[in-house]
PDB file of N, CA and C in Angstrom:
ATOM      1  N   MET A   1     168.354  51.974 219.676  1.00  0.00           N
ATOM      2  CA  MET A   1     167.118  51.976 220.412  1.00  0.00           C
ATOM      3  C   MET A   1     167.130  53.150 221.415  1.00  0.00           C
ATOM      4  N   THR A   2     165.965  53.678 221.657  1.00  0.00           N
ATOM      5  CA  THR A   2     165.765  54.711 222.657  1.00  0.00           C
ATOM      6  C   THR A   2     164.465  54.398 223.363  1.00  0.00           C
ATOM      7  N   TYR A   3     164.166  55.130 224.380  1.00  0.00           N
ATOM      8  CA  TYR A   3     162.893  55.026 225.073  1.00  0.00           C
ATOM      9  C   TYR A   3     162.037  56.234 224.785  1.00  0.00           C
ATOM     10  N   VAL A   4     160.716  56.052 224.823  1.00  0.00           N
ATOM     11  CA  VAL A   4     159.784  57.131 224.568  1.00  0.00           C
ATOM     12  C   VAL A   4     158.716  57.159 225.625  1.00  0.00           C
ATOM     13  N   VAL A   5     158.148  58.331 225.849  1.00  0.00           N
ATOM     14  CA  VAL A   5     157.025  58.475 226.756  1.00  0.00           C
ATOM     15  C   VAL A   5     155.754  58.480 225.931  1.00  0.00           C
ATOM     16  N   THR A   6     154.790  57.717 226.375  1.00  0.00           N
ATOM     17  CA  THR A   6     153.501  57.600 225.660  1.00  0.00           C
ATOM     18  C   THR A   6     152.401  58.384 226.380  1.00  0.00           C
ATOM     19  N   GLU A   7     151.207  58.291 225.801  1.00  0.00           N
ATOM     20  CA  GLU A   7     150.088  59.078 226.308  1.00  0.00           C
ATOM     21  C   GLU A   7     149.700  58.690 227.753  1.00  0.00           C
ATOM     22  N   ALA A   8     150.147  57.567 228.248  1.00  0.00           N
ATOM     23  CA  ALA A   8     149.809  57.193 229.631  1.00  0.00           C
ATOM     24  C   ALA A   8     150.339  58.236 230.637  1.00  0.00           C
ATOM     25  N   CYS A   9     151.310  58.998 230.244  1.00  0.00           N
ATOM     26  CA  CYS A   9     151.868  60.058 231.127  1.00  0.00           C
ATOM     27  C   CYS A   9     150.988  61.285 231.209  1.00  0.00           C
ATOM     28  N   ILE A  10     150.168  61.518 230.193  1.00  0.00           N
ATOM     29  CA  ILE A  10     149.356  62.719 230.159  1.00  0.00           C
ATOM     30  C   ILE A  10     148.425  62.824 231.353  1.00  0.00           C
ATOM     31  N   ARG A  11     148.455  63.935 232.019  1.00  0.00           N
ATOM     32  CA  ARG A  11     147.670  64.266 233.214  1.00  0.00           C
ATOM     33  C   ARG A  11     148.094  63.497 234.461  1.00  0.00           C
ATOM     34  N   CYS A  12     149.068  62.596 234.313  1.00  0.00           N
ATOM     35  CA  CYS A  12     149.606  61.879 235.508  1.00  0.00           C
ATOM     36  C   CYS A  12     150.913  62.543 235.871  1.00  0.00           C
ATOM     37  N   LYS A  13     151.823  62.510 234.931  1.00  0.00           N
ATOM     38  CA  LYS A  13     153.131  63.156 235.062  1.00  0.00           C
ATOM     39  C   LYS A  13     153.844  62.867 236.387  1.00  0.00           C
ATOM     40  N   TYR A  14     153.859  61.571 236.717  1.00  0.00           N
ATOM     41  CA  TYR A  14     154.670  61.159 237.866  1.00  0.00           C
ATOM     42  C   TYR A  14     156.104  61.309 237.408  1.00  0.00           C
ATOM     43  N   MET A  15     156.987  61.679 238.277  1.00  0.00           N
ATOM     44  CA  MET A  15     158.347  62.005 237.832  1.00  0.00           C
ATOM     45  C   MET A  15     159.410  61.108 238.418  1.00  0.00           C
ATOM     46  N   ASP A  16     159.032  59.898 238.809  1.00  0.00           N
ATOM     47  CA  ASP A  16     160.002  58.971 239.349  1.00  0.00           C
ATOM     48  C   ASP A  16     161.116  58.690 238.328  1.00  0.00           C
ATOM     49  N   CYS A  17     160.794  58.740 237.057  1.00  0.00           N
ATOM     50  CA  CYS A  17     161.726  58.504 235.972  1.00  0.00           C
ATOM     51  C   CYS A  17     162.820  59.552 235.927  1.00  0.00           C
ATOM     52  N   VAL A  18     162.474  60.808 236.222  1.00  0.00           N
ATOM     53  CA  VAL A  18     163.438  61.868 236.169  1.00  0.00           C
ATOM     54  C   VAL A  18     164.583  61.664 237.190  1.00  0.00           C
ATOM     55  N   GLU A  19     164.205  61.186 238.339  1.00  0.00           N
ATOM     56  CA  GLU A  19     165.201  60.951 239.403  1.00  0.00           C
ATOM     57  C   GLU A  19     166.293  59.977 239.023  1.00  0.00           C
ATOM     58  N   VAL A  20     165.978  58.968 238.218  1.00  0.00           N
ATOM     59  CA  VAL A  20     166.927  57.904 237.934  1.00  0.00           C
ATOM     60  C   VAL A  20     167.716  58.101 236.625  1.00  0.00           C
ATOM     61  N   CYS A  21     167.336  59.039 235.795  1.00  0.00           N
ATOM     62  CA  CYS A  21     167.937  59.232 234.486  1.00  0.00           C
ATOM     63  C   CYS A  21     169.367  59.741 234.675  1.00  0.00           C
ATOM     64  N   PRO A  22     170.366  58.990 234.168  1.00  0.00           N
ATOM     65  CA  PRO A  22     171.751  59.417 234.333  1.00  0.00           C
ATOM     66  C   PRO A  22     172.181  60.511 233.368  1.00  0.00           C
ATOM     67  N   VAL A  23     171.387  60.779 232.325  1.00  0.00           N
ATOM     68  CA  VAL A  23     171.789  61.791 231.336  1.00  0.00           C
ATOM     69  C   VAL A  23     170.805  62.955 231.241  1.00  0.00           C
ATOM     70  N   ASP A  24     169.840  63.016 232.124  1.00  0.00           N
ATOM     71  CA  ASP A  24     168.917  64.139 232.161  1.00  0.00           C
ATOM     72  C   ASP A  24     168.256  64.402 230.800  1.00  0.00           C
ATOM     73  N   CYS A  25     167.673  63.379 230.212  1.00  0.00           N
ATOM     74  CA  CYS A  25     167.053  63.526 228.874  1.00  0.00           C
ATOM     75  C   CYS A  25     165.531  63.719 228.901  1.00  0.00           C
ATOM     76  N   PHE A  26     164.989  64.047 230.056  1.00  0.00           N
ATOM     77  CA  PHE A  26     163.542  64.311 230.156  1.00  0.00           C
ATOM     78  C   PHE A  26     163.245  65.785 230.020  1.00  0.00           C
ATOM     79  N   TYR A  27     162.139  66.085 229.352  1.00  0.00           N
ATOM     80  CA  TYR A  27     161.704  67.438 229.130  1.00  0.00           C
ATOM     81  C   TYR A  27     160.260  67.556 229.571  1.00  0.00           C
ATOM     82  N   GLU A  28     159.909  68.690 230.163  1.00  0.00           N
ATOM     83  CA  GLU A  28     158.622  68.852 230.798  1.00  0.00           C
ATOM     84  C   GLU A  28     157.635  69.703 230.058  1.00  0.00           C
ATOM     85  N   GLY A  29     156.489  69.110 229.759  1.00  0.00           N
ATOM     86  CA  GLY A  29     155.396  69.866 229.207  1.00  0.00           C
ATOM     87  C   GLY A  29     154.407  70.209 230.295  1.00  0.00           C
ATOM     88  N   GLU A  30     153.372  70.924 229.906  1.00  0.00           N
ATOM     89  CA  GLU A  30     152.376  71.307 230.895  1.00  0.00           C
ATOM     90  C   GLU A  30     151.763  70.132 231.607  1.00  0.00           C
ATOM     91  N   ASN A  31     151.473  69.022 230.831  1.00  0.00           N
ATOM     92  CA  ASN A  31     150.819  67.879 231.492  1.00  0.00           C
ATOM     93  C   ASN A  31     151.406  66.524 231.148  1.00  0.00           C
ATOM     94  N   MET A  32     152.654  66.520 230.624  1.00  0.00           N
ATOM     95  CA  MET A  32     153.370  65.225 230.394  1.00  0.00           C
ATOM     96  C   MET A  32     154.845  65.495 230.259  1.00  0.00           C
ATOM     97  N   LEU A  33     155.588  64.419 230.301  1.00  0.00           N
ATOM     98  CA  LEU A  33     157.051  64.479 230.069  1.00  0.00           C
ATOM     99  C   LEU A  33     157.349  63.837 228.722  1.00  0.00           C
ATOM    100  N   VAL A  34     158.486  64.162 228.136  1.00  0.00           N
ATOM    101  CA  VAL A  34     158.981  63.440 226.962  1.00  0.00           C
ATOM    102  C   VAL A  34     160.471  63.158 227.171  1.00  0.00           C
ATOM    103  N   ILE A  35     160.962  62.223 226.395  1.00  0.00           N
ATOM    104  CA  ILE A  35     162.386  61.874 226.389  1.00  0.00           C
ATOM    105  C   ILE A  35     163.003  62.340 225.076  1.00  0.00           C
ATOM    106  N   HIS A  36     164.135  63.020 225.167  1.00  0.00           N
ATOM    107  CA  HIS A  36     164.818  63.420 223.914  1.00  0.00           C
ATOM    108  C   HIS A  36     165.489  62.171 223.361  1.00  0.00           C
ATOM    109  N   PRO A  37     165.046  61.665 222.220  1.00  0.00           N
ATOM    110  CA  PRO A  37     165.588  60.377 221.705  1.00  0.00           C
ATOM    111  C   PRO A  37     167.072  60.445 221.347  1.00  0.00           C
ATOM    112  N   ASP A  38     167.592  61.644 221.013  1.00  0.00           N
ATOM    113  CA  ASP A  38     168.992  61.726 220.686  1.00  0.00           C
ATOM    114  C   ASP A  38     169.894  61.810 221.938  1.00  0.00           C
ATOM    115  N   GLU A  39     169.312  62.081 223.076  1.00  0.00           N
ATOM    116  CA  GLU A  39     170.091  62.154 224.315  1.00  0.00           C
ATOM    117  C   GLU A  39     169.971  60.894 225.137  1.00  0.00           C
ATOM    118  N   CYS A  40     168.926  60.127 224.938  1.00  0.00           N
ATOM    119  CA  CYS A  40     168.699  58.876 225.700  1.00  0.00           C
ATOM    120  C   CYS A  40     169.839  57.884 225.375  1.00  0.00           C
ATOM    121  N   ILE A  41     170.396  57.292 226.396  1.00  0.00           N
ATOM    122  CA  ILE A  41     171.472  56.298 226.170  1.00  0.00           C
ATOM    123  C   ILE A  41     170.984  54.876 226.264  1.00  0.00           C
ATOM    124  N   ASP A  42     169.696  54.710 226.232  1.00  0.00           N
ATOM    125  CA  ASP A  42     169.060  53.376 226.188  1.00  0.00           C
ATOM    126  C   ASP A  42     169.378  52.506 227.396  1.00  0.00           C
ATOM    127  N   CYS A  43     169.612  53.107 228.542  1.00  0.00           N
ATOM    128  CA  CYS A  43     169.951  52.318 229.731  1.00  0.00           C
ATOM    129  C   CYS A  43     168.746  51.611 230.304  1.00  0.00           C
ATOM    130  N   GLY A  44     167.560  52.179 230.089  1.00  0.00           N
ATOM    131  CA  GLY A  44     166.344  51.526 230.522  1.00  0.00           C
ATOM    132  C   GLY A  44     165.970  51.671 231.996  1.00  0.00           C
ATOM    133  N   VAL A  45     166.726  52.448 232.766  1.00  0.00           N
ATOM    134  CA  VAL A  45     166.406  52.563 234.196  1.00  0.00           C
ATOM    135  C   VAL A  45     165.117  53.290 234.454  1.00  0.00           C
ATOM    136  N   CYS A  46     164.701  54.111 233.527  1.00  0.00           N
ATOM    137  CA  CYS A  46     163.459  54.916 233.738  1.00  0.00           C
ATOM    138  C   CYS A  46     162.201  54.056 233.565  1.00  0.00           C
ATOM    139  N   GLU A  47     162.237  53.074 232.695  1.00  0.00           N
ATOM    140  CA  GLU A  47     161.044  52.296 232.332  1.00  0.00           C
ATOM    141  C   GLU A  47     160.353  51.657 233.547  1.00  0.00           C
ATOM    142  N   PRO A  48     161.100  50.920 234.409  1.00  0.00           N
ATOM    143  CA  PRO A  48     160.400  50.326 235.551  1.00  0.00           C
ATOM    144  C   PRO A  48     159.967  51.303 236.656  1.00  0.00           C
ATOM    145  N   GLU A  49     160.490  52.534 236.609  1.00  0.00           N
ATOM    146  CA  GLU A  49     160.161  53.531 237.604  1.00  0.00           C
ATOM    147  C   GLU A  49     158.782  54.179 237.354  1.00  0.00           C
ATOM    148  N   CYS A  50     158.259  54.071 236.148  1.00  0.00           N
ATOM    149  CA  CYS A  50     156.987  54.722 235.804  1.00  0.00           C
ATOM    150  C   CYS A  50     155.818  53.906 236.340  1.00  0.00           C
ATOM    151  N   PRO A  51     155.045  54.457 237.259  1.00  0.00           N
ATOM    152  CA  PRO A  51     153.936  53.707 237.836  1.00  0.00           C
ATOM    153  C   PRO A  51     152.775  53.485 236.889  1.00  0.00           C
ATOM    154  N   VAL A  52     152.732  54.201 235.767  1.00  0.00           N
ATOM    155  CA  VAL A  52     151.628  54.013 234.830  1.00  0.00           C
ATOM    156  C   VAL A  52     152.110  53.363 233.530  1.00  0.00           C
ATOM    157  N   GLU A  53     153.365  52.901 233.520  1.00  0.00           N
ATOM    158  CA  GLU A  53     153.952  52.238 232.381  1.00  0.00           C
ATOM    159  C   GLU A  53     153.893  53.069 231.102  1.00  0.00           C
ATOM    160  N   ALA A  54     154.185  54.355 231.240  1.00  0.00           N
ATOM    161  CA  ALA A  54     154.155  55.266 230.103  1.00  0.00           C
ATOM    162  C   ALA A  54     155.406  55.268 229.288  1.00  0.00           C
ATOM    163  N   ILE A  55     156.475  54.639 229.777  1.00  0.00           N
ATOM    164  CA  ILE A  55     157.777  54.632 229.079  1.00  0.00           C
ATOM    165  C   ILE A  55     157.976  53.239 228.448  1.00  0.00           C
ATOM    166  N   ILE A  56     158.252  53.275 227.143  1.00  0.00           N
ATOM    167  CA  ILE A  56     158.480  52.012 226.411  1.00  0.00           C
ATOM    168  C   ILE A  56     159.679  52.154 225.497  1.00  0.00           C
ATOM    169  N   PRO A  57     160.309  51.055 225.154  1.00  0.00           N
ATOM    170  CA  PRO A  57     161.383  51.117 224.127  1.00  0.00           C
ATOM    171  C   PRO A  57     160.803  51.429 222.775  1.00  0.00           C
ATOM    172  N   ASP A  58     161.581  52.116 221.942  1.00  0.00           N
ATOM    173  CA  ASP A  58     161.079  52.458 220.644  1.00  0.00           C
ATOM    174  C   ASP A  58     160.930  51.297 219.713  1.00  0.00           C
ATOM    175  N   SER A  59     161.376  50.129 220.164  1.00  0.00           N
ATOM    176  CA  SER A  59     161.233  48.892 219.354  1.00  0.00           C
ATOM    177  C   SER A  59     159.856  48.262 219.481  1.00  0.00           C
ATOM    178  N   GLU A  60     159.055  48.719 220.431  1.00  0.00           N
ATOM    179  CA  GLU A  60     157.695  48.212 220.594  1.00  0.00           C
ATOM    180  C   GLU A  60     156.774  48.917 219.583  1.00  0.00           C
ATOM    181  N   PRO A  61     155.824  48.181 218.972  1.00  0.00           N
ATOM    182  CA  PRO A  61     154.998  48.774 217.930  1.00  0.00           C
ATOM    183  C   PRO A  61     154.294  50.096 218.290  1.00  0.00           C
ATOM    184  N   PRO A  62     153.738  50.245 219.479  1.00  0.00           N
ATOM    185  CA  PRO A  62     153.055  51.542 219.786  1.00  0.00           C
ATOM    186  C   PRO A  62     154.027  52.713 219.859  1.00  0.00           C
ATOM    187  N   ALA A  63     155.300  52.479 219.971  1.00  0.00           N
ATOM    188  CA  ALA A  63     156.261  53.563 220.163  1.00  0.00           C
ATOM    189  C   ALA A  63     156.472  54.407 218.897  1.00  0.00           C
ATOM    190  N   GLU A  64     156.188  53.832 217.772  1.00  0.00           N
ATOM    191  CA  GLU A  64     156.431  54.573 216.502  1.00  0.00           C
ATOM    192  C   GLU A  64     155.729  55.951 216.515  1.00  0.00           C
ATOM    193  N   ARG A  65     154.480  55.932 216.956  1.00  0.00           N
ATOM    194  CA  ARG A  65     153.699  57.151 217.027  1.00  0.00           C
ATOM    195  C   ARG A  65     154.279  58.179 217.984  1.00  0.00           C
ATOM    196  N   TRP A  66     154.902  57.735 219.028  1.00  0.00           N
ATOM    197  CA  TRP A  66     155.378  58.584 220.085  1.00  0.00           C
ATOM    198  C   TRP A  66     156.804  59.106 219.896  1.00  0.00           C
ATOM    199  N   LEU A  67     157.567  58.409 219.056  1.00  0.00           N
ATOM    200  CA  LEU A  67     158.992  58.810 218.870  1.00  0.00           C
ATOM    201  C   LEU A  67     159.084  60.238 218.352  1.00  0.00           C
ATOM    202  N   GLU A  68     158.347  60.556 217.297  1.00  0.00           N
ATOM    203  CA  GLU A  68     158.426  61.923 216.744  1.00  0.00           C
ATOM    204  C   GLU A  68     157.843  62.972 217.686  1.00  0.00           C
ATOM    205  N   LEU A  69     156.776  62.607 218.416  1.00  0.00           N
ATOM    206  CA  LEU A  69     156.220  63.527 219.386  1.00  0.00           C
ATOM    207  C   LEU A  69     157.244  63.804 220.481  1.00  0.00           C
ATOM    208  N   ASN A  70     157.947  62.813 220.951  1.00  0.00           N
ATOM    209  CA  ASN A  70     158.974  63.003 221.974  1.00  0.00           C
ATOM    210  C   ASN A  70     160.070  63.891 221.407  1.00  0.00           C
ATOM    211  N   ARG A  71     160.506  63.640 220.172  1.00  0.00           N
ATOM    212  CA  ARG A  71     161.572  64.430 219.545  1.00  0.00           C
ATOM    213  C   ARG A  71     161.146  65.886 219.409  1.00  0.00           C
ATOM    214  N   GLU A  72     159.961  66.089 218.894  1.00  0.00           N
ATOM    215  CA  GLU A  72     159.443  67.457 218.637  1.00  0.00           C
ATOM    216  C   GLU A  72     159.347  68.262 219.912  1.00  0.00           C
ATOM    217  N   PHE A  73     158.752  67.718 220.940  1.00  0.00           N
ATOM    218  CA  PHE A  73     158.539  68.475 222.164  1.00  0.00           C
ATOM    219  C   PHE A  73     159.763  68.558 223.044  1.00  0.00           C
ATOM    220  N   ALA A  74     160.677  67.615 222.938  1.00  0.00           N
ATOM    221  CA  ALA A  74     161.962  67.722 223.695  1.00  0.00           C
ATOM    222  C   ALA A  74     162.735  68.947 223.173  1.00  0.00           C
ATOM    223  N   ALA A  75     162.555  69.264 221.932  1.00  0.00           N
ATOM    224  CA  ALA A  75     163.231  70.438 221.361  1.00  0.00           C
ATOM    225  C   ALA A  75     162.580  71.765 221.788  1.00  0.00           C
ATOM    226  N   ALA A  76     161.347  71.683 222.222  1.00  0.00           N
ATOM    227  CA  ALA A  76     160.596  72.909 222.575  1.00  0.00           C
ATOM    228  C   ALA A  76     160.427  73.117 224.092  1.00  0.00           C
ATOM    229  N   TRP A  77     160.383  72.041 224.837  1.00  0.00           N
ATOM    230  CA  TRP A  77     160.096  72.155 226.271  1.00  0.00           C
ATOM    231  C   TRP A  77     161.339  72.241 227.086  1.00  0.00           C
ATOM    232  N   PRO A  78     161.252  72.749 228.327  1.00  0.00           N
ATOM    233  CA  PRO A  78     162.421  72.830 229.206  1.00  0.00           C
ATOM    234  C   PRO A  78     162.879  71.469 229.740  1.00  0.00           C
ATOM    235  N   ASN A  79     164.183  71.337 229.856  1.00  0.00           N
ATOM    236  CA  ASN A  79     164.762  70.128 230.435  1.00  0.00           C
ATOM    237  C   ASN A  79     164.401  70.076 231.920  1.00  0.00           C
ATOM    238  N   ILE A  80     164.159  68.867 232.408  1.00  0.00           N
ATOM    239  CA  ILE A  80     163.856  68.704 233.848  1.00  0.00           C
ATOM    240  C   ILE A  80     164.846  67.672 234.404  1.00  0.00           C
ATOM    241  N   THR A  81     165.448  68.051 235.505  1.00  0.00           N
ATOM    242  CA  THR A  81     166.451  67.150 236.104  1.00  0.00           C
ATOM    243  C   THR A  81     166.123  66.719 237.531  1.00  0.00           C
ATOM    244  N   ARG A  82     165.073  67.275 238.091  1.00  0.00           N
ATOM    245  CA  ARG A  82     164.669  66.908 239.456  1.00  0.00           C
ATOM    246  C   ARG A  82     163.178  66.549 239.488  1.00  0.00           C
ATOM    247  N   LYS A  83     162.895  65.600 240.331  1.00  0.00           N
ATOM    248  CA  LYS A  83     161.498  65.172 240.508  1.00  0.00           C
ATOM    249  C   LYS A  83     160.700  66.266 241.191  1.00  0.00           C
ATOM    250  N   LYS A  84     159.510  66.500 240.672  1.00  0.00           N
ATOM    251  CA  LYS A  84     158.528  67.403 241.265  1.00  0.00           C
ATOM    252  C   LYS A  84     157.324  66.582 241.647  1.00  0.00           C
ATOM    253  N   PRO A  85     156.441  67.121 242.475  1.00  0.00           N
ATOM    254  CA  PRO A  85     155.208  66.403 242.806  1.00  0.00           C
ATOM    255  C   PRO A  85     154.309  66.245 241.547  1.00  0.00           C
ATOM    256  N   PRO A  86     153.593  65.152 241.468  1.00  0.00           N
ATOM    257  CA  PRO A  86     152.658  64.981 240.333  1.00  0.00           C
ATOM    258  C   PRO A  86     151.489  65.964 240.522  1.00  0.00           C
ATOM    259  N   PRO A  87     150.701  66.180 239.473  1.00  0.00           N
ATOM    260  CA  PRO A  87     149.514  67.022 239.628  1.00  0.00           C
ATOM    261  C   PRO A  87     148.618  66.455 240.701  1.00  0.00           C
ATOM    262  N   PRO A  88     147.886  67.301 241.424  1.00  0.00           N
ATOM    263  CA  PRO A  88     147.059  66.814 242.526  1.00  0.00           C
ATOM    264  C   PRO A  88     145.978  65.787 242.088  1.00  0.00           C
ATOM    265  N   ASP A  89     145.551  65.867 240.808  1.00  0.00           N
ATOM    266  CA  ASP A  89     144.537  64.913 240.347  1.00  0.00           C
ATOM    267  C   ASP A  89     145.121  63.770 239.517  1.00  0.00           C
ATOM    268  N   ALA A  90     146.414  63.540 239.615  1.00  0.00           N
ATOM    269  CA  ALA A  90     147.102  62.535 238.780  1.00  0.00           C
ATOM    270  C   ALA A  90     146.445  61.136 238.936  1.00  0.00           C
ATOM    271  N   ASP A  91     146.139  60.725 240.127  1.00  0.00           N
ATOM    272  CA  ASP A  91     145.555  59.395 240.326  1.00  0.00           C
ATOM    273  C   ASP A  91     144.232  59.220 239.609  1.00  0.00           C
ATOM    274  N   GLU A  92     143.488  60.305 239.414  1.00  0.00           N
ATOM    275  CA  GLU A  92     142.199  60.238 238.723  1.00  0.00           C
ATOM    276  C   GLU A  92     142.390  59.916 237.261  1.00  0.00           C
ATOM    277  N   PHE A  93     143.572  60.167 236.701  1.00  0.00           N
ATOM    278  CA  PHE A  93     143.796  59.981 235.276  1.00  0.00           C
ATOM    279  C   PHE A  93     144.661  58.789 234.920  1.00  0.00           C
ATOM    280  N   LYS A  94     145.166  58.073 235.925  1.00  0.00           N
ATOM    281  CA  LYS A  94     146.118  57.003 235.578  1.00  0.00           C
ATOM    282  C   LYS A  94     145.528  55.852 234.790  1.00  0.00           C
ATOM    283  N   ASP A  95     144.258  55.618 234.870  1.00  0.00           N
ATOM    284  CA  ASP A  95     143.650  54.543 234.071  1.00  0.00           C
ATOM    285  C   ASP A  95     142.817  55.082 232.897  1.00  0.00           C
ATOM    286  N   ALA A  96     142.881  56.364 232.653  1.00  0.00           N
ATOM    287  CA  ALA A  96     142.108  56.956 231.558  1.00  0.00           C
ATOM    288  C   ALA A  96     142.696  56.481 230.214  1.00  0.00           C
ATOM    289  N   THR A  97     141.840  56.458 229.198  1.00  0.00           N
ATOM    290  CA  THR A  97     142.275  56.086 227.842  1.00  0.00           C
ATOM    291  C   THR A  97     142.054  57.271 226.911  1.00  0.00           C
ATOM    292  N   ASP A  98     142.636  57.184 225.731  1.00  0.00           N
ATOM    293  CA  ASP A  98     142.545  58.250 224.716  1.00  0.00           C
ATOM    294  C   ASP A  98     142.916  59.580 225.280  1.00  0.00           C
ATOM    295  N   LYS A  99     143.955  59.592 226.105  1.00  0.00           N
ATOM    296  CA  LYS A  99     144.340  60.844 226.777  1.00  0.00           C
ATOM    297  C   LYS A  99     144.942  61.860 225.819  1.00  0.00           C
ATOM    298  N   TYR A 100     145.601  61.402 224.752  1.00  0.00           N
ATOM    299  CA  TYR A 100     146.203  62.360 223.820  1.00  0.00           C
ATOM    300  C   TYR A 100     145.128  63.233 223.213  1.00  0.00           C
ATOM    301  N   GLU A 101     144.096  62.604 222.670  1.00  0.00           N
ATOM    302  CA  GLU A 101     143.033  63.345 221.986  1.00  0.00           C
ATOM    303  C   GLU A 101     142.268  64.258 222.972  1.00  0.00           C
ATOM    304  N   LYS A 102     142.131  63.838 224.184  1.00  0.00           N
ATOM    305  CA  LYS A 102     141.314  64.588 225.147  1.00  0.00           C
ATOM    306  C   LYS A 102     142.063  65.615 225.936  1.00  0.00           C
ATOM    307  N   TYR A 103     143.371  65.349 226.292  1.00  0.00           N
ATOM    308  CA  TYR A 103     144.027  66.188 227.263  1.00  0.00           C
ATOM    309  C   TYR A 103     145.419  66.717 226.892  1.00  0.00           C
ATOM    310  N   PHE A 104     146.022  66.259 225.838  1.00  0.00           N
ATOM    311  CA  PHE A 104     147.402  66.689 225.543  1.00  0.00           C
ATOM    312  C   PHE A 104     147.498  68.205 225.395  1.00  0.00           C
ATOM    313  N   SER A 105     148.526  68.775 225.987  1.00  0.00           N
ATOM    314  CA  SER A 105     148.825  70.197 225.865  1.00  0.00           C
ATOM    315  C   SER A 105     150.208  70.360 225.270  1.00  0.00           C
ATOM    316  N   PRO A 106     150.361  71.175 224.232  1.00  0.00           N
ATOM    317  CA  PRO A 106     151.668  71.411 223.638  1.00  0.00           C
ATOM    318  C   PRO A 106     152.494  72.449 224.412  1.00  0.00           C
ATOM    319  N   LYS A 107     151.947  72.996 225.466  1.00  0.00           N
ATOM    320  CA  LYS A 107     152.647  74.030 226.239  1.00  0.00           C
ATOM    321  C   LYS A 107     153.768  73.387 227.033  1.00  0.00           C
ATOM    322  N   GLY A 108     154.861  74.122 227.151  1.00  0.00           N
ATOM    323  CA  GLY A 108     155.996  73.642 227.923  1.00  0.00           C
ATOM    324  C   GLY A 108     155.817  74.011 229.400  1.00  0.00           C
ATOM    325  N   GLY A 109     156.734  73.472 230.198  1.00  0.00           N
ATOM    326  CA  GLY A 109     156.719  73.800 231.639  1.00  0.00           C
ATOM    327  C   GLY A 109     155.692  72.967 232.348  1.00  0.00           C
ATOM    328  N   GLY A 110     155.252  73.493 233.424  1.00  0.00           N
ATOM    329  CA  GLY A 110     154.253  72.742 234.176  1.00  0.00           C
ATOM    330  C   GLY A 110     154.146  73.230 235.607  1.00  0.00           C
ATOM    331  N   SER A 111     153.902  72.248 236.474  1.00  0.00           N
ATOM    332  CA  SER A 111     153.651  72.551 237.850  1.00  0.00           C
ATOM    333  C   SER A 111     154.853  73.103 238.539  1.00  0.00           C
TER     334      SER A 111
END
């Protein structure tokens, strides 16, 4: 089992999860984070830290869609090991739906 980041992270990108990860398996895109599934040690400490519940175990049904996206973009985006401030408009997007179709950016890096 591994953990994955879902679309709830898009345009919110709170980074409380990055602070607690013991193996630095988070990677930063322009407007979301992903977890490298081959680096994640399944400790689960990141999951409760996410204020928008964007992190789920890959054993949950919605995770199937996100596992390959996390794998693909973890290979392309830069590793992040320290918490940064969320985007200034993050709170406006935390309850938004269909964020992948509307807002996902494949660009790496970020704020």
